[in-house]
Amino acid sequence: MTDIIRFPAEWENQSGIQLTWPHAATDWAYMLEEVEKCFVEIAREISLREKLLIVSPEPDAVIRQIKNTVNLNNVRFVKCDTNDIWARDHGAITILKEGRPRLLDFKFNGWGLKFASNFDNLITHTCYKQGIFDAEYINRLNFVIEGGSIESDGKGNLLTSSECLLSPNRNGQWNKKQIEEYLKSELGIKHILWIDHGYLAGDDTDSHIDTLARLCPEDTIIYIKCTDRNDEHFTALEKMEEQLKTFRTNEGKPFRLLPLPMAEACYENGERLPATYANFLILNGVVLYPTYNQPQNDQNAGQILQQAFPDRTIIGIDCLPLIKQHGSLHCVTMQYPQGVIK
C-alpha cells in the first residue's frame, strides 16, 4: 500500500534545482566576483541535466553573467529580494501526498536568530505566486526547520541532529516528543534517527546533518570521519561514528557505513572554516561534490561517493569561496522532485 504522505529522497527523479544568487547587498559583497564564478559553474552543471530556478533581485544581471556558459533554455528566473544565498534552508521542502507534490513552506529564522532572514523567508511564497511550481503550496510558518537539517531515504527514515532540531532558538516551546510527532505527521516519517554528536568549527547552523552524515541509496549512510587525534573534531566525530553503528534499517539491519575523509583545516582571518565533503548535491545522473584544493582528499572523497552512487557520474566543484561564508555546495541548492517546476 502506498503511503499517503511520503518525503522523497534526494536521489529520486528531479524536475530541477533552486539557486538563490549572490548580489552586492549580501555578505558576499567583498568577494562577489569570486563567489559568482562558483555559482556559474554550479548553474552550468545543473542546467545540462534539469531545470534551474534562479532567485535574484537582479535577474538581468544574472543573465549577463551566465548567458555564455549556462543552458538558458533550462533556466527559470524569479525576481525577489533576498538576504543571502542558502537555498537549502529557505527553500520549500517537497513531500508527496497520494503521489501529488506539496510544497511545505516552513519558517526560516536565520539558523536560530543569528542572521536576518526577512526577505529569504518570503522566497518560496513569491516563487509560488509567480507560477513557477506545479504543486500545492502549504503554509507551515508556525514551525522553524531548514532543509539542511533533515535527510530522507524516501522509505520513512529521517536522519537529523539533536543539536539543531532541538535548538531553543528554533522551536524552543516544543519538546523532542512533540517535534517527532509533528515531523511524522507533516513529512510522513516513520522513524527518526537522531545524531547526538559531531560538529564542524565555523558552522553557523548548529550541526546541520548535511555537513556531517547523509542518507544514500541501498540503506547506506556516508559520513565524515576524522583520523587525526590532534584535530579538535576527533572525539565528537568518533562518537558520531559509534552512534551510526547502532542505527538500524526498516528491516532491523545495520546501515552500510561509508566514511568520507575530513578536509584539511581551512582558515580565513584566523578562523577555521567548515569544509566538509558531506555537503554534496545529487542530480539526475550526477553527484556534484565540493572540493577544497586538496588533491588527495578531493580525489578520495570522489572515490567514496562513487561507491555510494555507482550509477552516477561524480563531478567536483571548487567550493573554497562558499566556505568563506560558512557553507558549501549542498547549502546553496534545493532540489524539487519530478513534476514540481513547470
C-alpha atoms as a PDB file:
ATOM      1  CA  MET A   1       0.000   0.000   0.000  1.00  0.00           C
ATOM      2  CA  THR A   2       1.354   3.418  -0.968  1.00  0.00           C
ATOM      3  CA  ASP A   3       1.998   5.849   1.876  1.00  0.00           C
ATOM      4  CA  ILE A   4      -0.470   8.738   1.969  1.00  0.00           C
ATOM      5  CA  ILE A   5       2.402  11.167   2.716  1.00  0.00           C
ATOM      6  CA  ARG A   6       5.986  10.498   1.662  1.00  0.00           C
ATOM      7  CA  PHE A   7       9.156  12.592   1.885  1.00  0.00           C
ATOM      8  CA  PRO A   8      11.130  11.609  -1.239  1.00  0.00           C
ATOM      9  CA  ALA A   9      14.870  11.031  -1.161  1.00  0.00           C
ATOM     10  CA  GLU A  10      17.163  13.474  -2.926  1.00  0.00           C
ATOM     11  CA  TRP A  11      18.293  10.772  -5.354  1.00  0.00           C
ATOM     12  CA  GLU A  12      14.792  10.284  -6.787  1.00  0.00           C
ATOM     13  CA  ASN A  13      13.978  11.859 -10.162  1.00  0.00           C
ATOM     14  CA  GLN A  14      14.037  15.649 -10.036  1.00  0.00           C
ATOM     15  CA  SER A  15      12.411  18.425 -12.030  1.00  0.00           C
ATOM     16  CA  GLY A  16      15.010  20.991 -11.039  1.00  0.00           C
ATOM     17  CA  ILE A  17      17.249  22.762  -8.553  1.00  0.00           C
ATOM     18  CA  GLN A  18      16.950  26.195  -6.952  1.00  0.00           C
ATOM     19  CA  LEU A  19      19.862  28.614  -6.605  1.00  0.00           C
ATOM     20  CA  THR A  20      19.437  31.930  -4.776  1.00  0.00           C
ATOM     21  CA  TRP A  21      22.020  34.119  -6.480  1.00  0.00           C
ATOM     22  CA  PRO A  22      24.583  36.249  -4.571  1.00  0.00           C
ATOM     23  CA  HIS A  23      24.483  40.032  -5.030  1.00  0.00           C
ATOM     24  CA  ALA A  24      26.114  43.194  -3.706  1.00  0.00           C
ATOM     25  CA  ALA A  25      23.568  43.691  -0.902  1.00  0.00           C
ATOM     26  CA  THR A  26      24.579  40.403   0.748  1.00  0.00           C
ATOM     27  CA  ASP A  27      27.537  39.432   2.940  1.00  0.00           C
ATOM     28  CA  TRP A  28      29.279  38.390  -0.294  1.00  0.00           C
ATOM     29  CA  ALA A  29      29.887  41.983  -1.449  1.00  0.00           C
ATOM     30  CA  TYR A  30      33.596  41.855  -0.558  1.00  0.00           C
ATOM     31  CA  MET A  31      34.197  38.753  -2.710  1.00  0.00           C
ATOM     32  CA  LEU A  32      31.278  38.875  -5.126  1.00  0.00           C
ATOM     33  CA  GLU A  33      33.179  38.045  -8.307  1.00  0.00           C
ATOM     34  CA  GLU A  34      34.800  35.029  -6.668  1.00  0.00           C
ATOM     35  CA  VAL A  35      31.539  33.526  -5.441  1.00  0.00           C
ATOM     36  CA  GLU A  36      29.735  34.324  -8.703  1.00  0.00           C
ATOM     37  CA  LYS A  37      32.264  32.192 -10.599  1.00  0.00           C
ATOM     38  CA  CYS A  38      31.453  29.297  -8.274  1.00  0.00           C
ATOM     39  CA  PHE A  39      27.715  29.802  -8.838  1.00  0.00           C
ATOM     40  CA  VAL A  40      28.131  29.919 -12.614  1.00  0.00           C
ATOM     41  CA  GLU A  41      29.929  26.559 -12.501  1.00  0.00           C
ATOM     42  CA  ILE A  42      27.172  25.009 -10.356  1.00  0.00           C
ATOM     43  CA  ALA A  43      24.494  26.506 -12.605  1.00  0.00           C
ATOM     44  CA  ARG A  44      26.197  25.128 -15.718  1.00  0.00           C
ATOM     45  CA  GLU A  45      26.228  21.573 -14.393  1.00  0.00           C
ATOM     46  CA  ILE A  46      22.598  21.741 -13.261  1.00  0.00           C
ATOM     47  CA  SER A  47      21.292  23.287 -16.495  1.00  0.00           C
ATOM     48  CA  LEU A  48      22.857  20.500 -18.557  1.00  0.00           C
ATOM     49  CA  ARG A  49      20.615  17.951 -16.837  1.00  0.00           C
ATOM     50  CA  GLU A  50      17.448  19.535 -15.479  1.00  0.00           C
ATOM     51  CA  LYS A  51      15.655  22.805 -14.873  1.00  0.00           C
ATOM     52  CA  LEU A  52      17.369  25.525 -12.854  1.00  0.00           C
ATOM     53  CA  LEU A  53      15.384  28.013 -10.789  1.00  0.00           C
ATOM     54  CA  ILE A  54      17.377  31.185 -10.103  1.00  0.00           C
ATOM     55  CA  VAL A  55      16.065  33.602  -7.474  1.00  0.00           C
ATOM     56  CA  SER A  56      17.571  37.088  -7.532  1.00  0.00           C
ATOM     57  CA  PRO A  57      16.566  40.730  -7.080  1.00  0.00           C
ATOM     58  CA  GLU A  58      18.522  41.383 -10.311  1.00  0.00           C
ATOM     59  CA  PRO A  59      17.696  38.657 -12.875  1.00  0.00           C
ATOM     60  CA  ASP A  60      19.026  40.700 -15.810  1.00  0.00           C
ATOM     61  CA  ALA A  61      22.421  40.990 -14.127  1.00  0.00           C
ATOM     62  CA  VAL A  62      22.482  37.215 -13.610  1.00  0.00           C
ATOM     63  CA  ILE A  63      21.611  36.583 -17.257  1.00  0.00           C
ATOM     64  CA  ARG A  64      24.606  38.670 -18.319  1.00  0.00           C
ATOM     65  CA  GLN A  65      26.857  36.544 -16.093  1.00  0.00           C
ATOM     66  CA  ILE A  66      25.637  33.141 -17.255  1.00  0.00           C
ATOM     67  CA  LYS A  67      24.469  33.578 -20.872  1.00  0.00           C
ATOM     68  CA  ASN A  68      27.661  32.197 -22.423  1.00  0.00           C
ATOM     69  CA  THR A  69      28.028  29.280 -20.018  1.00  0.00           C
ATOM     70  CA  VAL A  70      24.618  28.072 -18.864  1.00  0.00           C
ATOM     71  CA  ASN A  71      21.823  26.446 -20.877  1.00  0.00           C
ATOM     72  CA  LEU A  72      19.300  29.300 -20.596  1.00  0.00           C
ATOM     73  CA  ASN A  73      16.558  27.141 -22.110  1.00  0.00           C
ATOM     74  CA  ASN A  74      16.521  25.235 -18.835  1.00  0.00           C
ATOM     75  CA  VAL A  75      16.542  28.302 -16.555  1.00  0.00           C
ATOM     76  CA  ARG A  76      13.556  29.912 -14.800  1.00  0.00           C
ATOM     77  CA  PHE A  77      14.043  33.258 -13.054  1.00  0.00           C
ATOM     78  CA  VAL A  78      12.160  34.716 -10.102  1.00  0.00           C
ATOM     79  CA  LYS A  79      12.736  38.353  -9.159  1.00  0.00           C
ATOM     80  CA  CYS A  80      12.741  38.604  -5.395  1.00  0.00           C
ATOM     81  CA  ASP A  81      14.613  40.418  -2.647  1.00  0.00           C
ATOM     82  CA  THR A  82      16.973  38.103  -0.740  1.00  0.00           C
ATOM     83  CA  ASN A  83      19.152  38.256   2.373  1.00  0.00           C
ATOM     84  CA  ASP A  84      21.595  35.526   1.377  1.00  0.00           C
ATOM     85  CA  ILE A  85      22.199  32.505  -0.847  1.00  0.00           C
ATOM     86  CA  TRP A  86      21.353  29.478   1.293  1.00  0.00           C
ATOM     87  CA  ALA A  87      18.518  27.941  -0.742  1.00  0.00           C
ATOM     88  CA  ARG A  88      18.772  24.655   1.134  1.00  0.00           C
ATOM     89  CA  ASP A  89      17.464  26.383   4.238  1.00  0.00           C
ATOM     90  CA  HIS A  90      14.934  28.884   2.906  1.00  0.00           C
ATOM     91  CA  GLY A  91      13.662  26.740   0.018  1.00  0.00           C
ATOM     92  CA  ALA A  92      10.463  24.709   0.184  1.00  0.00           C
ATOM     93  CA  ILE A  93      10.546  21.119   1.406  1.00  0.00           C
ATOM     94  CA  THR A  94       8.607  18.923  -1.013  1.00  0.00           C
ATOM     95  CA  ILE A  95       6.522  15.986   0.106  1.00  0.00           C
ATOM     96  CA  LEU A  96       4.213  13.744  -1.889  1.00  0.00           C
ATOM     97  CA  LYS A  97       0.636  13.324  -0.691  1.00  0.00           C
ATOM     98  CA  GLU A  98      -1.070  10.482  -2.516  1.00  0.00           C
ATOM     99  CA  GLY A  99       1.581  10.950  -5.180  1.00  0.00           C
ATOM    100  CA  ARG A 100       0.976  14.683  -5.695  1.00  0.00           C
ATOM    101  CA  PRO A 101       3.693  17.175  -4.674  1.00  0.00           C
ATOM    102  CA  ARG A 102       3.091  19.639  -1.859  1.00  0.00           C
ATOM    103  CA  LEU A 103       5.474  22.472  -1.022  1.00  0.00           C
ATOM    104  CA  LEU A 104       5.852  22.911   2.722  1.00  0.00           C
ATOM    105  CA  ASP A 105       6.914  26.487   3.446  1.00  0.00           C
ATOM    106  CA  PHE A 106       8.473  26.216   6.894  1.00  0.00           C
ATOM    107  CA  LYS A 107       9.771  29.246   8.743  1.00  0.00           C
ATOM    108  CA  PHE A 108      13.429  30.153   8.282  1.00  0.00           C
ATOM    109  CA  ASN A 109      14.769  32.302  11.131  1.00  0.00           C
ATOM    110  CA  GLY A 110      18.441  32.678  10.223  1.00  0.00           C
ATOM    111  CA  TRP A 111      19.620  29.483  11.978  1.00  0.00           C
ATOM    112  CA  GLY A 112      18.181  30.326  15.349  1.00  0.00           C
ATOM    113  CA  LEU A 113      18.041  34.139  15.058  1.00  0.00           C
ATOM    114  CA  LYS A 114      21.733  34.535  14.172  1.00  0.00           C
ATOM    115  CA  PHE A 115      21.174  36.456  10.920  1.00  0.00           C
ATOM    116  CA  ALA A 116      18.500  38.488   9.136  1.00  0.00           C
ATOM    117  CA  SER A 117      16.028  36.342   7.190  1.00  0.00           C
ATOM    118  CA  ASN A 118      13.081  38.666   6.481  1.00  0.00           C
ATOM    119  CA  PHE A 119      13.464  38.525   2.685  1.00  0.00           C
ATOM    120  CA  ASP A 120      14.567  34.886   2.489  1.00  0.00           C
ATOM    121  CA  ASN A 121      11.522  33.789   4.447  1.00  0.00           C
ATOM    122  CA  LEU A 122       9.256  35.108   1.649  1.00  0.00           C
ATOM    123  CA  ILE A 123      11.056  33.456  -1.285  1.00  0.00           C
ATOM    124  CA  THR A 124       9.015  30.251  -1.502  1.00  0.00           C
ATOM    125  CA  HIS A 125       5.665  32.056  -1.479  1.00  0.00           C
ATOM    126  CA  THR A 126       6.944  34.566  -4.059  1.00  0.00           C
ATOM    127  CA  CYS A 127       8.024  31.726  -6.369  1.00  0.00           C
ATOM    128  CA  TYR A 128       4.630  30.099  -5.940  1.00  0.00           C
ATOM    129  CA  LYS A 129       2.743  33.327  -6.704  1.00  0.00           C
ATOM    130  CA  GLN A 130       4.828  33.796  -9.853  1.00  0.00           C
ATOM    131  CA  GLY A 131       3.621  30.427 -11.157  1.00  0.00           C
ATOM    132  CA  ILE A 132       6.910  28.542 -11.030  1.00  0.00           C
ATOM    133  CA  PHE A 133       5.562  25.443  -9.287  1.00  0.00           C
ATOM    134  CA  ASP A 134       3.020  22.847 -10.351  1.00  0.00           C
ATOM    135  CA  ALA A 135       2.376  21.847  -6.749  1.00  0.00           C
ATOM    136  CA  GLU A 136       0.150  22.745  -3.825  1.00  0.00           C
ATOM    137  CA  TYR A 137       1.542  25.426  -1.513  1.00  0.00           C
ATOM    138  CA  ILE A 138       1.221  24.727   2.224  1.00  0.00           C
ATOM    139  CA  ASN A 139       1.939  27.441   4.797  1.00  0.00           C
ATOM    140  CA  ARG A 140       3.860  25.918   7.705  1.00  0.00           C
ATOM    141  CA  LEU A 141       5.412  29.138   9.009  1.00  0.00           C
ATOM    142  CA  ASN A 142       4.468  28.128  12.549  1.00  0.00           C
ATOM    143  CA  PHE A 143       7.471  25.766  12.653  1.00  0.00           C
ATOM    144  CA  VAL A 144      11.165  26.510  12.110  1.00  0.00           C
ATOM    145  CA  ILE A 145      13.132  23.985  10.097  1.00  0.00           C
ATOM    146  CA  GLU A 146      15.859  24.096   7.440  1.00  0.00           C
ATOM    147  CA  GLY A 147      16.373  21.659   4.617  1.00  0.00           C
ATOM    148  CA  GLY A 148      19.997  21.168   5.621  1.00  0.00           C
ATOM    149  CA  SER A 149      18.911  19.786   8.975  1.00  0.00           C
ATOM    150  CA  ILE A 150      16.969  16.758   7.673  1.00  0.00           C
ATOM    151  CA  GLU A 151      17.776  13.807   5.405  1.00  0.00           C
ATOM    152  CA  SER A 152      15.185  11.390   3.996  1.00  0.00           C
ATOM    153  CA  ASP A 153      15.667   7.994   2.363  1.00  0.00           C
ATOM    154  CA  GLY A 154      12.171   8.056   0.845  1.00  0.00           C
ATOM    155  CA  LYS A 155      11.241   4.982   2.873  1.00  0.00           C
ATOM    156  CA  GLY A 156      10.147   6.685   6.084  1.00  0.00           C
ATOM    157  CA  ASN A 157      13.536   7.217   7.735  1.00  0.00           C
ATOM    158  CA  LEU A 158      14.707  10.702   8.691  1.00  0.00           C
ATOM    159  CA  LEU A 159      18.303  11.446   9.719  1.00  0.00           C
ATOM    160  CA  THR A 160      18.868  14.596  11.769  1.00  0.00           C
ATOM    161  CA  SER A 161      20.946  16.089  14.577  1.00  0.00           C
ATOM    162  CA  SER A 162      19.569  16.800  18.015  1.00  0.00           C
ATOM    163  CA  GLU A 163      21.727  19.914  18.448  1.00  0.00           C
ATOM    164  CA  CYS A 164      19.994  21.613  15.524  1.00  0.00           C
ATOM    165  CA  LEU A 165      16.427  20.356  15.651  1.00  0.00           C
ATOM    166  CA  LEU A 166      16.186  20.753  19.424  1.00  0.00           C
ATOM    167  CA  SER A 167      17.794  24.216  19.413  1.00  0.00           C
ATOM    168  CA  PRO A 168      15.906  26.528  21.813  1.00  0.00           C
ATOM    169  CA  ASN A 169      16.119  29.399  19.312  1.00  0.00           C
ATOM    170  CA  ARG A 170      14.177  27.470  16.691  1.00  0.00           C
ATOM    171  CA  ASN A 171      11.195  25.761  18.286  1.00  0.00           C
ATOM    172  CA  GLY A 172      12.006  26.269  21.958  1.00  0.00           C
ATOM    173  CA  GLN A 173       8.408  25.801  23.042  1.00  0.00           C
ATOM    174  CA  TRP A 174       8.391  22.261  21.603  1.00  0.00           C
ATOM    175  CA  ASN A 175       9.997  19.254  23.300  1.00  0.00           C
ATOM    176  CA  LYS A 176      11.617  16.341  21.473  1.00  0.00           C
ATOM    177  CA  LYS A 177       8.497  14.165  21.561  1.00  0.00           C
ATOM    178  CA  GLN A 178       6.355  16.961  20.143  1.00  0.00           C
ATOM    179  CA  ILE A 179       8.861  17.641  17.364  1.00  0.00           C
ATOM    180  CA  GLU A 180       8.981  13.948  16.486  1.00  0.00           C
ATOM    181  CA  GLU A 181       5.191  13.737  16.314  1.00  0.00           C
ATOM    182  CA  TYR A 182       4.999  16.873  14.174  1.00  0.00           C
ATOM    183  CA  LEU A 183       7.630  15.674  11.677  1.00  0.00           C
ATOM    184  CA  LYS A 184       5.992  12.270  11.409  1.00  0.00           C
ATOM    185  CA  SER A 185       2.653  13.913  10.713  1.00  0.00           C
ATOM    186  CA  GLU A 186       3.876  16.540   8.234  1.00  0.00           C
ATOM    187  CA  LEU A 187       6.550  14.519   6.404  1.00  0.00           C
ATOM    188  CA  GLY A 188       5.117  11.023   6.631  1.00  0.00           C
ATOM    189  CA  ILE A 189       8.126   9.872   8.651  1.00  0.00           C
ATOM    190  CA  LYS A 190       8.051   6.552  10.495  1.00  0.00           C
ATOM    191  CA  HIS A 191      11.458   6.566  12.186  1.00  0.00           C
ATOM    192  CA  ILE A 192      13.768   9.431  13.197  1.00  0.00           C
ATOM    193  CA  LEU A 193      17.485   8.709  13.537  1.00  0.00           C
ATOM    194  CA  TRP A 194      18.871  11.306  15.952  1.00  0.00           C
ATOM    195  CA  ILE A 195      22.601  12.025  15.837  1.00  0.00           C
ATOM    196  CA  ASP A 196      23.725  13.394  19.197  1.00  0.00           C
ATOM    197  CA  HIS A 197      27.407  14.036  18.429  1.00  0.00           C
ATOM    198  CA  GLY A 198      29.509  15.780  15.802  1.00  0.00           C
ATOM    199  CA  TYR A 199      30.102  19.357  14.734  1.00  0.00           C
ATOM    200  CA  LEU A 200      32.299  21.451  12.449  1.00  0.00           C
ATOM    201  CA  ALA A 201      34.210  24.503  13.645  1.00  0.00           C
ATOM    202  CA  GLY A 202      32.926  27.625  11.908  1.00  0.00           C
ATOM    203  CA  ASP A 203      29.467  26.156  11.267  1.00  0.00           C
ATOM    204  CA  ASP A 204      26.627  28.627  11.947  1.00  0.00           C
ATOM    205  CA  THR A 205      23.842  26.063  11.643  1.00  0.00           C
ATOM    206  CA  ASP A 206      24.161  24.166  14.951  1.00  0.00           C
ATOM    207  CA  SER A 207      25.361  20.989  13.227  1.00  0.00           C
ATOM    208  CA  HIS A 208      23.191  20.619  10.164  1.00  0.00           C
ATOM    209  CA  ILE A 209      23.086  16.960   9.225  1.00  0.00           C
ATOM    210  CA  ASP A 210      24.207  17.720   5.645  1.00  0.00           C
ATOM    211  CA  THR A 211      27.621  18.762   6.974  1.00  0.00           C
ATOM    212  CA  LEU A 212      28.141  15.503   8.890  1.00  0.00           C
ATOM    213  CA  ALA A 213      26.244  12.479   7.535  1.00  0.00           C
ATOM    214  CA  ARG A 214      23.951  11.750   4.586  1.00  0.00           C
ATOM    215  CA  LEU A 215      21.488   9.047   3.674  1.00  0.00           C
ATOM    216  CA  CYS A 216      22.261   7.299   0.373  1.00  0.00           C
ATOM    217  CA  PRO A 217      20.626   4.517  -1.683  1.00  0.00           C
ATOM    218  CA  GLU A 218      20.625   0.891  -0.567  1.00  0.00           C
ATOM    219  CA  ASP A 219      20.487   1.677   3.162  1.00  0.00           C
ATOM    220  CA  THR A 220      23.825   3.487   3.120  1.00  0.00           C
ATOM    221  CA  ILE A 221      24.989   6.345   5.339  1.00  0.00           C
ATOM    222  CA  ILE A 222      28.008   8.321   4.211  1.00  0.00           C
ATOM    223  CA  TYR A 223      29.681  10.367   6.926  1.00  0.00           C
ATOM    224  CA  ILE A 224      32.707  12.457   7.874  1.00  0.00           C
ATOM    225  CA  LYS A 225      35.484  10.558   9.654  1.00  0.00           C
ATOM    226  CA  CYS A 226      38.381  12.284  11.395  1.00  0.00           C
ATOM    227  CA  THR A 227      41.552  10.198  11.775  1.00  0.00           C
ATOM    228  CA  ASP A 228      43.771  12.898  13.297  1.00  0.00           C
ATOM    229  CA  ARG A 229      43.683  12.569  17.082  1.00  0.00           C
ATOM    230  CA  ASN A 230      45.096  16.085  17.385  1.00  0.00           C
ATOM    231  CA  ASP A 231      42.189  17.597  15.468  1.00  0.00           C
ATOM    232  CA  GLU A 232      39.578  19.270  17.667  1.00  0.00           C
ATOM    233  CA  HIS A 233      36.833  17.293  15.908  1.00  0.00           C
ATOM    234  CA  PHE A 234      38.279  13.834  16.555  1.00  0.00           C
ATOM    235  CA  THR A 235      36.380  12.872  19.714  1.00  0.00           C
ATOM    236  CA  ALA A 236      32.977  14.238  18.653  1.00  0.00           C
ATOM    237  CA  LEU A 237      33.136  12.622  15.208  1.00  0.00           C
ATOM    238  CA  GLU A 238      34.307   9.331  16.707  1.00  0.00           C
ATOM    239  CA  LYS A 239      31.245   9.366  18.979  1.00  0.00           C
ATOM    240  CA  MET A 240      29.073  10.108  15.948  1.00  0.00           C
ATOM    241  CA  GLU A 241      30.546   7.124  14.125  1.00  0.00           C
ATOM    242  CA  GLU A 242      29.858   4.837  17.084  1.00  0.00           C
ATOM    243  CA  GLN A 243      26.260   6.040  17.196  1.00  0.00           C
ATOM    244  CA  LEU A 244      25.818   5.491  13.450  1.00  0.00           C
ATOM    245  CA  LYS A 245      26.835   1.865  14.001  1.00  0.00           C
ATOM    246  CA  THR A 246      23.827   1.421  16.316  1.00  0.00           C
ATOM    247  CA  PHE A 247      21.280   2.663  13.758  1.00  0.00           C
ATOM    248  CA  ARG A 248      19.079   0.081  12.056  1.00  0.00           C
ATOM    249  CA  THR A 249      17.176  -0.048   8.769  1.00  0.00           C
ATOM    250  CA  ASN A 250      13.449  -0.736   8.477  1.00  0.00           C
ATOM    251  CA  GLU A 251      14.385  -4.425   8.301  1.00  0.00           C
ATOM    252  CA  GLY A 252      16.404  -4.207  11.519  1.00  0.00           C
ATOM    253  CA  LYS A 253      19.796  -4.480   9.804  1.00  0.00           C
ATOM    254  CA  PRO A 254      22.804  -2.161  10.313  1.00  0.00           C
ATOM    255  CA  PHE A 255      23.261   0.542   7.713  1.00  0.00           C
ATOM    256  CA  ARG A 256      26.164   0.261   5.302  1.00  0.00           C
ATOM    257  CA  LEU A 257      28.565   2.960   6.507  1.00  0.00           C
ATOM    258  CA  LEU A 258      30.978   4.734   4.141  1.00  0.00           C
ATOM    259  CA  PRO A 259      33.450   7.200   5.721  1.00  0.00           C
ATOM    260  CA  LEU A 260      34.414  10.362   3.870  1.00  0.00           C
ATOM    261  CA  PRO A 261      37.777  11.981   4.611  1.00  0.00           C
ATOM    262  CA  MET A 262      37.955  15.009   6.863  1.00  0.00           C
ATOM    263  CA  ALA A 263      39.117  18.002   4.859  1.00  0.00           C
ATOM    264  CA  GLU A 264      42.363  19.573   5.983  1.00  0.00           C
ATOM    265  CA  ALA A 265      41.781  22.662   8.087  1.00  0.00           C
ATOM    266  CA  CYS A 266      40.961  25.792   6.061  1.00  0.00           C
ATOM    267  CA  TYR A 267      41.193  29.241   7.634  1.00  0.00           C
ATOM    268  CA  GLU A 268      40.057  32.783   6.885  1.00  0.00           C
ATOM    269  CA  ASN A 269      41.346  35.603   9.092  1.00  0.00           C
ATOM    270  CA  GLY A 270      42.450  33.027  11.649  1.00  0.00           C
ATOM    271  CA  GLU A 271      39.019  31.367  11.843  1.00  0.00           C
ATOM    272  CA  ARG A 272      38.580  27.720  10.879  1.00  0.00           C
ATOM    273  CA  LEU A 273      36.048  27.201   8.116  1.00  0.00           C
ATOM    274  CA  PRO A 274      33.541  24.307   7.912  1.00  0.00           C
ATOM    275  CA  ALA A 275      34.998  22.464   4.922  1.00  0.00           C
ATOM    276  CA  THR A 276      33.135  19.159   4.517  1.00  0.00           C
ATOM    277  CA  TYR A 277      32.770  16.596   1.753  1.00  0.00           C
ATOM    278  CA  ALA A 278      29.366  15.541   3.110  1.00  0.00           C
ATOM    279  CA  ASN A 279      27.842  18.671   1.533  1.00  0.00           C
ATOM    280  CA  PHE A 280      27.312  17.092  -1.893  1.00  0.00           C
ATOM    281  CA  LEU A 281      24.324  17.547  -4.223  1.00  0.00           C
ATOM    282  CA  ILE A 282      22.544  14.701  -6.003  1.00  0.00           C
ATOM    283  CA  LEU A 283      21.243  15.468  -9.513  1.00  0.00           C
ATOM    284  CA  ASN A 284      19.652  13.342 -12.217  1.00  0.00           C
ATOM    285  CA  GLY A 285      22.520  11.052 -13.228  1.00  0.00           C
ATOM    286  CA  VAL A 286      25.210  13.020 -11.397  1.00  0.00           C
ATOM    287  CA  VAL A 287      26.572  13.842  -7.953  1.00  0.00           C
ATOM    288  CA  LEU A 288      28.227  17.247  -7.590  1.00  0.00           C
ATOM    289  CA  TYR A 289      30.558  17.404  -4.632  1.00  0.00           C
ATOM    290  CA  PRO A 290      32.636  20.178  -3.064  1.00  0.00           C
ATOM    291  CA  THR A 291      36.405  20.256  -3.464  1.00  0.00           C
ATOM    292  CA  TYR A 292      38.835  22.413  -1.490  1.00  0.00           C
ATOM    293  CA  ASN A 293      42.083  22.438  -3.493  1.00  0.00           C
ATOM    294  CA  GLN A 294      43.302  19.408  -1.524  1.00  0.00           C
ATOM    295  CA  PRO A 295      44.113  16.985  -4.361  1.00  0.00           C
ATOM    296  CA  GLN A 296      44.414  13.785  -2.325  1.00  0.00           C
ATOM    297  CA  ASN A 297      41.397  14.416  -0.094  1.00  0.00           C
ATOM    298  CA  ASP A 298      39.359  15.708  -3.031  1.00  0.00           C
ATOM    299  CA  GLN A 299      40.149  12.558  -5.005  1.00  0.00           C
ATOM    300  CA  ASN A 300      39.463  10.216  -2.096  1.00  0.00           C
ATOM    301  CA  ALA A 301      36.104  11.861  -1.403  1.00  0.00           C
ATOM    302  CA  GLY A 302      35.110  11.437  -5.041  1.00  0.00           C
ATOM    303  CA  GLN A 303      36.017   7.750  -4.959  1.00  0.00           C
ATOM    304  CA  ILE A 304      33.925   7.164  -1.827  1.00  0.00           C
ATOM    305  CA  LEU A 305      30.962   8.960  -3.386  1.00  0.00           C
ATOM    306  CA  GLN A 306      31.309   6.736  -6.448  1.00  0.00           C
ATOM    307  CA  GLN A 307      30.883   3.721  -4.173  1.00  0.00           C
ATOM    308  CA  ALA A 308      27.683   5.214  -2.756  1.00  0.00           C
ATOM    309  CA  PHE A 309      26.379   6.194  -6.211  1.00  0.00           C
ATOM    310  CA  PRO A 310      27.804   3.655  -8.689  1.00  0.00           C
ATOM    311  CA  ASP A 311      25.257   4.584 -11.375  1.00  0.00           C
ATOM    312  CA  ARG A 312      26.057   8.311 -11.324  1.00  0.00           C
ATOM    313  CA  THR A 313      28.892  10.472 -12.610  1.00  0.00           C
ATOM    314  CA  ILE A 314      30.819  12.178  -9.799  1.00  0.00           C
ATOM    315  CA  ILE A 315      31.870  15.779 -10.515  1.00  0.00           C
ATOM    316  CA  GLY A 316      33.890  18.045  -8.219  1.00  0.00           C
ATOM    317  CA  ILE A 317      33.155  21.769  -7.840  1.00  0.00           C
ATOM    318  CA  ASP A 318      35.688  24.116  -6.212  1.00  0.00           C
ATOM    319  CA  CYS A 319      33.804  25.378  -3.154  1.00  0.00           C
ATOM    320  CA  LEU A 320      36.573  27.256  -1.376  1.00  0.00           C
ATOM    321  CA  PRO A 321      34.646  30.504  -1.996  1.00  0.00           C
ATOM    322  CA  LEU A 322      31.482  29.141  -0.342  1.00  0.00           C
ATOM    323  CA  ILE A 323      33.097  28.068   2.914  1.00  0.00           C
ATOM    324  CA  LYS A 324      34.343  31.614   3.468  1.00  0.00           C
ATOM    325  CA  GLN A 325      30.748  32.361   4.477  1.00  0.00           C
ATOM    326  CA  HIS A 326      30.448  29.050   6.355  1.00  0.00           C
ATOM    327  CA  GLY A 327      28.501  26.917   3.882  1.00  0.00           C
ATOM    328  CA  SER A 328      29.163  24.696   0.888  1.00  0.00           C
ATOM    329  CA  LEU A 329      27.589  23.131  -2.212  1.00  0.00           C
ATOM    330  CA  HIS A 330      24.512  21.429  -0.774  1.00  0.00           C
ATOM    331  CA  CYS A 331      23.748  24.502   1.343  1.00  0.00           C
ATOM    332  CA  VAL A 332      23.259  26.762  -1.705  1.00  0.00           C
ATOM    333  CA  THR A 333      20.892  24.401  -3.555  1.00  0.00           C
ATOM    334  CA  MET A 334      17.416  22.927  -3.115  1.00  0.00           C
ATOM    335  CA  GLN A 335      16.078  20.125  -5.296  1.00  0.00           C
ATOM    336  CA  TYR A 336      12.466  19.746  -6.385  1.00  0.00           C
ATOM    337  CA  PRO A 337      11.105  16.306  -7.339  1.00  0.00           C
ATOM    338  CA  GLN A 338       9.837  15.375 -10.770  1.00  0.00           C
ATOM    339  CA  GLY A 339       6.832  17.427 -11.885  1.00  0.00           C
ATOM    340  CA  VAL A 340       7.256  20.330  -9.449  1.00  0.00           C
ATOM    341  CA  ILE A 341       8.971  23.055 -11.519  1.00  0.00           C
ATOM    342  CA  LYS A 342       6.899  23.949 -14.590  1.00  0.00           C
END
